[in-house]
Protein backbone atom coordinates (compact mmCIF):
# COMPACT_ATOMS: atom_id res chain seq x y z
CA UNK A 1 27.86 -197.98 -51.29
CA UNK A 2 24.45 -197.98 -49.59
CA UNK A 3 24.89 -199.85 -46.40
CA UNK A 4 24.14 -203.70 -47.06
CA UNK A 5 21.07 -205.36 -44.93
CA UNK A 6 21.43 -208.89 -46.51
CA UNK A 7 24.68 -210.16 -46.54
CA UNK A 8 25.79 -213.71 -47.91
CA UNK A 9 29.29 -215.37 -46.98
CA UNK A 10 30.45 -218.35 -48.87
CA UNK A 11 32.84 -221.20 -47.98
CA UNK A 12 32.18 -224.48 -49.32
CA UNK A 13 35.55 -225.97 -48.72
CA UNK A 14 36.39 -228.56 -45.81
CA UNK A 15 35.43 -227.94 -42.23
CA UNK A 16 38.97 -226.31 -41.32
CA UNK A 17 38.13 -223.56 -43.77
CA UNK A 18 34.65 -222.93 -42.39
CA UNK A 19 36.19 -222.55 -39.02
CA UNK A 20 38.67 -220.21 -40.31
CA UNK A 21 35.97 -217.97 -41.73
CA UNK A 22 34.42 -217.54 -38.19
CA UNK A 23 36.38 -214.25 -37.32
CA UNK A 24 35.07 -213.04 -41.01
CA UNK A 25 31.59 -213.63 -39.98
CA UNK A 26 31.82 -211.94 -36.63
CA UNK A 27 33.83 -208.81 -38.12
CA UNK A 28 30.73 -208.70 -40.73
CA UNK A 29 28.29 -208.37 -37.96
CA UNK A 30 30.54 -205.78 -36.19
CA UNK A 31 30.67 -203.72 -39.27
CA UNK A 32 27.06 -204.16 -40.00
CA UNK A 33 25.06 -204.98 -36.87
CA UNK A 34 21.76 -204.38 -38.24
CA UNK A 35 22.55 -206.62 -41.29
CA UNK A 36 21.26 -210.30 -41.39
CA UNK A 37 24.40 -212.70 -42.50
CA UNK A 38 23.56 -216.01 -44.10
CA UNK A 39 26.41 -218.43 -44.66
CA UNK A 40 26.80 -221.17 -47.41
CA UNK A 41 28.50 -224.07 -46.62
CA UNK A 42 28.64 -227.98 -47.51
CA UNK A 43 26.60 -230.32 -45.59
CA UNK A 44 29.61 -231.60 -43.30
CA UNK A 45 30.37 -228.01 -42.16
CA UNK A 46 26.53 -227.04 -41.14
CA UNK A 47 26.80 -227.96 -37.24
CA UNK A 48 29.94 -225.86 -37.08
CA UNK A 49 27.98 -222.64 -37.32
CA UNK A 50 25.26 -224.00 -35.01
CA UNK A 51 24.35 -221.71 -32.02
CA UNK A 52 26.93 -219.11 -34.00
CA UNK A 53 25.23 -215.70 -32.88
CA UNK A 54 25.99 -213.75 -35.68
CA UNK A 55 24.68 -216.17 -38.54
CA UNK A 56 21.08 -215.92 -39.60
CA UNK A 57 20.44 -218.95 -41.66
CA UNK A 58 22.85 -221.48 -43.15
CA UNK A 59 22.72 -222.26 -46.83
CA UNK A 60 23.79 -225.84 -47.64
CA UNK A 61 25.55 -226.60 -50.93
CA UNK A 62 25.20 -230.23 -52.17
CA UNK A 63 27.80 -230.00 -54.78
CA UNK A 64 29.29 -233.29 -53.76
CA UNK A 65 25.95 -235.08 -54.82
CA UNK A 66 24.91 -233.40 -58.07
CA UNK A 67 27.09 -230.38 -59.26
CA UNK A 68 24.73 -229.47 -62.05
CA UNK A 69 21.55 -229.81 -60.14
CA UNK A 70 23.09 -228.09 -56.94
CA UNK A 71 24.09 -225.21 -58.79
CA UNK A 72 20.73 -224.29 -60.36
CA UNK A 73 19.16 -224.79 -57.27
CA UNK A 74 21.46 -222.28 -55.32
CA UNK A 75 21.41 -219.84 -57.98
CA UNK A 76 17.42 -220.07 -57.76
CA UNK A 77 17.71 -220.02 -53.93
CA UNK A 78 20.21 -216.96 -53.76
CA UNK A 79 18.31 -214.97 -56.01
CA UNK A 80 15.07 -215.04 -54.04
CA UNK A 81 16.77 -214.10 -51.10
CA UNK A 82 17.91 -210.46 -52.85
CA UNK A 83 21.45 -210.16 -51.03
CA UNK A 84 22.94 -206.68 -51.04
CA UNK A 85 26.42 -207.93 -50.64
CA UNK A 86 28.11 -211.39 -51.04
CA UNK A 87 31.77 -211.95 -49.38
CA UNK A 88 33.48 -215.14 -50.76
CA UNK A 89 36.49 -216.24 -49.49
CA UNK A 90 36.00 -219.51 -51.57
CA UNK A 91 37.49 -219.19 -55.22
CA UNK A 92 36.11 -221.60 -57.29
CA UNK A 93 34.86 -221.11 -60.93
CA UNK A 94 31.23 -222.68 -59.99
CA UNK A 95 31.40 -220.56 -56.61
CA UNK A 96 32.14 -217.37 -58.82
CA UNK A 97 29.46 -218.40 -61.46
CA UNK A 98 26.46 -219.02 -58.92
CA UNK A 99 27.37 -215.51 -56.99
CA UNK A 100 27.44 -213.79 -60.76
CA UNK A 101 24.16 -215.41 -62.02
CA UNK A 102 22.32 -214.93 -58.57
CA UNK A 103 22.42 -211.09 -59.25
CA UNK A 104 23.80 -209.75 -56.00
CA UNK A 105 25.00 -206.19 -57.14
CA UNK A 106 28.37 -206.36 -54.68
CA UNK A 107 30.64 -209.29 -55.00
CA UNK A 108 33.87 -209.19 -53.09
CA UNK A 109 36.48 -212.10 -53.30
CA UNK A 110 40.13 -212.88 -54.11
CA UNK A 111 41.73 -212.13 -57.05
CA UNK A 112 42.38 -215.52 -58.19
CA UNK A 113 40.96 -218.25 -60.09
CA UNK A 114 39.72 -218.18 -63.76
CA UNK A 115 36.40 -216.41 -63.04
CA UNK A 116 37.61 -213.46 -60.67
CA UNK A 117 36.37 -211.18 -63.21
CA UNK A 118 33.05 -212.25 -62.12
CA UNK A 119 33.33 -210.44 -59.05
CA UNK A 120 32.84 -206.57 -58.44
CA UNK A 121 35.63 -205.90 -56.01
CA UNK A 122 38.86 -207.83 -55.90
CA UNK A 123 41.39 -208.19 -53.11
CA UNK A 124 44.93 -209.85 -53.50
CA UNK A 125 45.46 -213.23 -51.82
CA UNK A 126 49.20 -213.00 -50.67
CA UNK A 127 51.37 -215.77 -50.03
CA UNK A 128 52.84 -215.83 -46.28
CA UNK A 129 49.80 -214.35 -43.78
CA UNK A 130 47.58 -216.75 -42.01
CA UNK A 131 44.22 -217.57 -43.84
CA UNK A 132 42.59 -215.64 -41.02
CA UNK A 133 44.07 -212.49 -42.00
CA UNK A 134 43.56 -213.11 -45.34
CA UNK A 135 39.77 -213.42 -45.07
CA UNK A 136 39.68 -210.56 -42.87
CA UNK A 137 41.21 -208.57 -45.63
CA UNK A 138 38.01 -209.17 -47.78
CA UNK A 139 36.68 -206.43 -45.66
CA UNK A 140 39.13 -203.76 -46.84
CA UNK A 141 37.21 -202.44 -49.55
CA UNK A 142 34.39 -201.72 -47.05
CA UNK A 143 36.45 -200.48 -43.92
CA UNK A 144 39.91 -200.01 -42.80
CA UNK A 145 39.07 -201.45 -39.31
CA UNK A 146 41.29 -204.14 -37.60
CA UNK A 147 39.37 -207.03 -36.35
CA UNK A 148 40.45 -209.77 -33.77
CA UNK A 149 41.57 -213.27 -35.33
CA UNK A 150 40.29 -215.73 -32.85
CA UNK A 151 38.44 -218.23 -34.37
CA UNK A 152 35.46 -219.55 -32.66
CA UNK A 153 32.75 -222.36 -32.27
CA UNK A 154 29.62 -222.55 -30.04
CA UNK A 155 28.99 -225.78 -28.48
CA UNK A 156 25.81 -225.81 -26.47
CA UNK A 157 25.37 -226.47 -22.87
CA UNK A 158 23.82 -229.96 -23.99
CA UNK A 159 27.44 -230.79 -25.75
CA UNK A 160 29.19 -229.60 -22.79
CA UNK A 161 27.45 -231.96 -20.32
CA UNK A 162 27.99 -234.46 -22.84
CA UNK A 163 31.78 -233.85 -23.05
CA UNK A 164 31.90 -233.75 -19.19
CA UNK A 165 30.01 -236.99 -18.80
CA UNK A 166 32.55 -238.89 -21.57
CA UNK A 167 35.59 -237.44 -19.62
CA UNK A 168 34.58 -238.37 -16.38
CA UNK A 169 36.75 -241.43 -16.24
CA UNK A 170 39.62 -239.27 -16.76
CA UNK A 171 38.67 -236.77 -13.76
CA UNK A 172 41.61 -235.33 -11.86
CA UNK A 173 44.11 -236.08 -14.48
CA UNK A 174 46.08 -233.79 -17.06
CA UNK A 175 43.82 -234.38 -20.12
CA UNK A 176 45.59 -234.46 -23.90
CA UNK A 177 43.69 -234.73 -26.84
CA UNK A 178 44.92 -237.05 -29.88
CA UNK A 179 43.55 -236.91 -33.28
CA UNK A 180 45.97 -238.86 -35.69
CA UNK A 181 43.36 -239.06 -38.72
CA UNK A 182 43.12 -236.86 -41.90
CA UNK A 183 40.90 -237.20 -44.78
CA UNK A 184 44.49 -237.02 -46.71
CA UNK A 185 46.39 -240.12 -45.81
CA UNK A 186 49.88 -238.21 -46.26
CA UNK A 187 49.09 -235.56 -43.82
CA UNK A 188 48.92 -238.28 -41.20
CA UNK A 189 51.94 -239.09 -38.58
CA UNK A 190 52.89 -242.73 -38.83
CA UNK A 191 50.34 -244.83 -36.66
CA UNK A 192 53.50 -246.53 -34.87
CA UNK A 193 54.78 -242.98 -33.91
CA UNK A 194 51.15 -242.06 -32.39
CA UNK A 195 51.15 -245.05 -30.05
CA UNK A 196 54.65 -245.08 -29.15
CA UNK A 197 54.16 -241.05 -27.76
CA UNK A 198 50.80 -241.77 -26.35
CA UNK A 199 52.42 -244.94 -24.50
CA UNK A 200 54.96 -242.46 -23.21
CA UNK A 201 52.52 -239.83 -22.08
CA UNK A 202 50.37 -242.24 -20.31
CA UNK A 203 53.48 -243.58 -18.54
CA UNK A 204 54.30 -240.27 -17.36
CA UNK A 205 50.85 -239.63 -15.88
CA UNK A 206 48.84 -238.21 -18.54
CA UNK A 207 45.68 -239.22 -19.96
CA UNK A 208 44.72 -239.46 -23.57
CA UNK A 209 41.31 -238.90 -25.27
CA UNK A 210 41.32 -240.02 -28.97
CA UNK A 211 39.41 -237.56 -31.03
CA UNK A 212 37.98 -237.94 -34.84
CA UNK A 213 34.73 -238.85 -37.04
CA UNK A 214 33.79 -241.86 -38.48
CA UNK A 215 36.73 -241.98 -40.87
CA UNK A 216 38.96 -241.89 -38.11
CA UNK A 217 37.92 -245.01 -35.99
CA UNK A 218 40.35 -247.35 -37.97
CA UNK A 219 43.55 -245.51 -36.88
CA UNK A 220 42.21 -244.79 -33.45
CA UNK A 221 40.99 -248.23 -32.70
CA UNK A 222 44.61 -249.26 -33.85
CA UNK A 223 46.25 -247.04 -30.89
CA UNK A 224 43.42 -248.22 -28.56
CA UNK A 225 44.21 -251.87 -29.30
CA UNK A 226 48.34 -251.30 -28.80
CA UNK A 227 47.74 -249.43 -25.43
CA UNK A 228 44.92 -251.94 -24.01
CA UNK A 229 41.26 -251.58 -24.40
CA UNK A 230 40.65 -251.34 -20.86
CA UNK A 231 43.69 -248.81 -20.30
CA UNK A 232 41.95 -246.68 -17.27
CA UNK A 233 43.87 -243.47 -18.94
CA UNK A 234 42.62 -243.66 -22.47
CA UNK A 235 39.31 -242.88 -23.91
CA UNK A 236 38.66 -243.27 -27.51
CA UNK A 237 35.87 -241.28 -28.84
CA UNK A 238 36.40 -241.69 -32.60
CA UNK A 239 33.04 -241.67 -34.27
CA UNK A 240 31.54 -240.90 -30.99
CA UNK A 241 30.99 -237.23 -31.10
CA UNK A 242 29.53 -234.94 -33.39
CA UNK A 243 31.91 -231.61 -34.20
CA UNK A 244 30.56 -229.38 -31.91
CA UNK A 245 30.65 -232.38 -28.95
CA UNK A 246 34.27 -232.69 -30.11
CA UNK A 247 34.70 -229.12 -29.54
CA UNK A 248 33.50 -229.06 -25.91
CA UNK A 249 35.77 -232.19 -25.45
CA UNK A 250 38.92 -230.63 -26.66
CA UNK A 251 37.98 -227.58 -24.47
CA UNK A 252 38.50 -229.62 -21.51
CA UNK A 253 41.96 -230.71 -22.53
CA UNK A 254 45.13 -229.18 -21.85
CA UNK A 255 46.70 -229.93 -25.47
CA UNK A 256 45.70 -231.28 -28.47
CA UNK A 257 48.22 -233.31 -30.82
CA UNK A 258 47.20 -233.75 -34.21
CA UNK A 259 47.74 -233.53 -38.19
CA UNK A 260 47.37 -230.53 -40.16
CA UNK A 261 43.69 -231.29 -40.12
CA UNK A 262 40.34 -229.90 -39.00
CA UNK A 263 40.86 -231.00 -35.35
CA UNK A 264 43.62 -228.82 -35.14
CA UNK A 265 41.19 -226.01 -36.40
CA UNK A 266 38.62 -227.02 -33.88
CA UNK A 267 41.47 -226.65 -31.00
CA UNK A 268 42.39 -223.30 -31.70
CA UNK A 269 38.77 -222.35 -31.84
CA UNK A 270 38.32 -223.38 -28.37
CA UNK A 271 41.90 -222.08 -27.35
CA UNK A 272 43.29 -225.45 -26.40
CA UNK A 273 46.97 -225.44 -27.13
CA UNK A 274 48.17 -227.00 -30.34
CA UNK A 275 51.13 -229.23 -31.25
CA UNK A 276 50.88 -230.20 -34.91
CA UNK A 277 52.76 -232.37 -37.38
CA UNK A 278 52.91 -230.93 -41.02
CA UNK A 279 54.37 -233.02 -43.88
CA UNK A 280 53.07 -232.78 -47.37
CA UNK A 281 51.88 -229.25 -46.59
CA UNK A 282 53.81 -226.25 -45.04
CA UNK A 283 53.31 -223.34 -42.85
CA UNK A 284 53.50 -220.40 -45.61
CA UNK A 285 50.18 -221.63 -46.92
CA UNK A 286 48.56 -220.06 -44.18
CA UNK A 287 46.96 -222.81 -42.23
CA UNK A 288 49.35 -223.22 -39.34
CA UNK A 289 48.05 -223.11 -35.78
CA UNK A 290 48.14 -219.48 -34.93
CA UNK A 291 47.91 -219.01 -30.98
CA UNK A 292 50.62 -218.35 -28.62
CA UNK A 293 52.23 -221.63 -27.37
CA UNK A 294 51.39 -223.64 -30.43
CA UNK A 295 54.06 -225.42 -32.22
CA UNK A 296 54.40 -227.47 -35.41
CA UNK A 297 56.94 -230.30 -35.59
CA UNK A 298 58.09 -230.69 -39.22
CA UNK A 299 61.32 -231.72 -41.11
CA UNK A 300 63.07 -230.00 -43.74
CA UNK A 301 63.09 -232.03 -47.26
CA UNK A 302 63.46 -230.94 -50.78
CA UNK A 303 60.24 -232.70 -51.70
CA UNK A 304 58.19 -230.32 -49.34
CA UNK A 305 55.59 -229.33 -50.01
CA UNK A 306 54.24 -231.88 -52.52
CA UNK A 307 50.62 -230.22 -52.61
CA UNK A 308 48.26 -227.88 -51.13
CA UNK A 309 46.24 -230.30 -49.40
CA UNK A 310 48.18 -233.64 -49.24
CA UNK A 311 47.11 -236.80 -51.41
CA UNK A 312 46.33 -240.45 -50.60
CA UNK A 313 50.09 -241.84 -51.21
CA UNK A 314 53.30 -240.11 -51.16
CA UNK A 315 54.54 -238.90 -54.53
CA UNK A 316 58.06 -240.19 -53.85
CA UNK A 317 56.88 -243.47 -52.29
CA UNK A 318 58.64 -242.89 -49.08
CA UNK A 319 56.44 -240.35 -46.91
CA UNK A 320 59.64 -239.07 -45.14
CA UNK A 321 58.14 -235.80 -44.19
CA UNK A 322 56.37 -237.82 -41.75
CA UNK A 323 58.60 -241.07 -40.86
CA UNK A 324 61.37 -238.45 -40.05
CA UNK A 325 59.23 -236.65 -37.49
CA UNK A 326 60.57 -238.25 -34.26
CA UNK A 327 58.74 -239.25 -30.99
CA UNK A 328 60.85 -238.28 -28.36
CA UNK A 329 61.20 -234.55 -29.25
CA UNK A 330 57.58 -234.25 -29.25
CA UNK A 331 57.47 -236.06 -25.78
CA UNK A 332 59.84 -233.81 -24.22
CA UNK A 333 58.03 -230.59 -25.67
CA UNK A 334 55.03 -232.00 -24.04
CA UNK A 335 56.63 -232.57 -20.38
CA UNK A 336 58.17 -229.09 -20.82
CA UNK A 337 54.83 -227.34 -21.72
CA UNK A 338 52.51 -229.14 -19.20
CA UNK A 339 54.98 -229.73 -16.23
C-alpha cells in the first residue's frame, strides 16, 4: 500500500468513545507524520478535539437531526476530500455504507456488524481488552509497532485560567471532583449515596466540585441543596463549564468519583485518579478506568450486565446493582488513597 497522505478516522458514538480514540489519532500521526488526519464525530464531541495537534480538520456528522440527509451530505463531502485511507472504530451499518460509497480505496475497521464486508481490511474485535487496545489494533494491518495507551485532551490556556478562577474559593484544600450524572439513568449511583458520601468527605476536610453538563443539573442541584447551597467546601459547576473547561477543572482535582460515563474518560485523559461505579455495565466490555490507582466499585449480581450501555429503567425493577454499592467502603478507599 502506498503511504497515505490524507486520512480519515471515524467515531460518531458518545463523547467517551471519542476520548478513547485519541491514542489512535496520535498513533496514526506517529505512523504517518506527513499525512493530514481528519476526524469525523457528532456535534456534541467536536469540542473534545479542539487544540489537538494531530487533527487537521473535524468533520461533523449530524445524524441525530436527519439520518438520510446527513448521510448523503457526508458521502458528498468525504468524496470531495479524496482520502487515501479511513480507519473506523465505529462499526454501524450506516458508517460502513458512507465510507463504501465515498470511494475511499483503503477502509479499515472491526470485523463486526452486518456491513463489515464493505471494508477492505477487517480486524477482530475481541472481548476483554480495553477499548483503547482494540482501537489501536486497527493499525495492525499497517504496522506492528506498539503505541502509548494514554488518552488526552487539550484545554487551552483560557480554559485553564477559567478553571483556576472557578476553583479559587477552594484554594489550599484537597479537591475531589464528583460527577453524579449519566445519559443512562441506570448507570447512576443513587443520589442519596452521593449525598451521604459527599457529606462524609466534607466533614473530613475535603472540598467537592460537582461536574456535569446541562442534563446533570437536576441531580447536582439535589446534592448541593442537601449539603447546603452556601457550603464553603462545595462548588456546583454542572451546566457551567464546557467539556474542555471541565477537563481543566478535573486536572486540578486529586480524585474523580463518578459513574461509568464520559466524566470518567475525561478524568483518565487528564490523568486524574478515578473511582467509578459500575452497575448495568461490566469491565469486560472494555470501558473501565485504566490508569494505575483507578478503582471500580460494583456488586456481583446474576442480572449484570443488562446491556452494553445501560437503560432508562432497570429491567428487573430493583436497580440493586447501584443500590447495593455502599457508601462506607468508598469513603474508606478515598481516605486510604488521599491521606
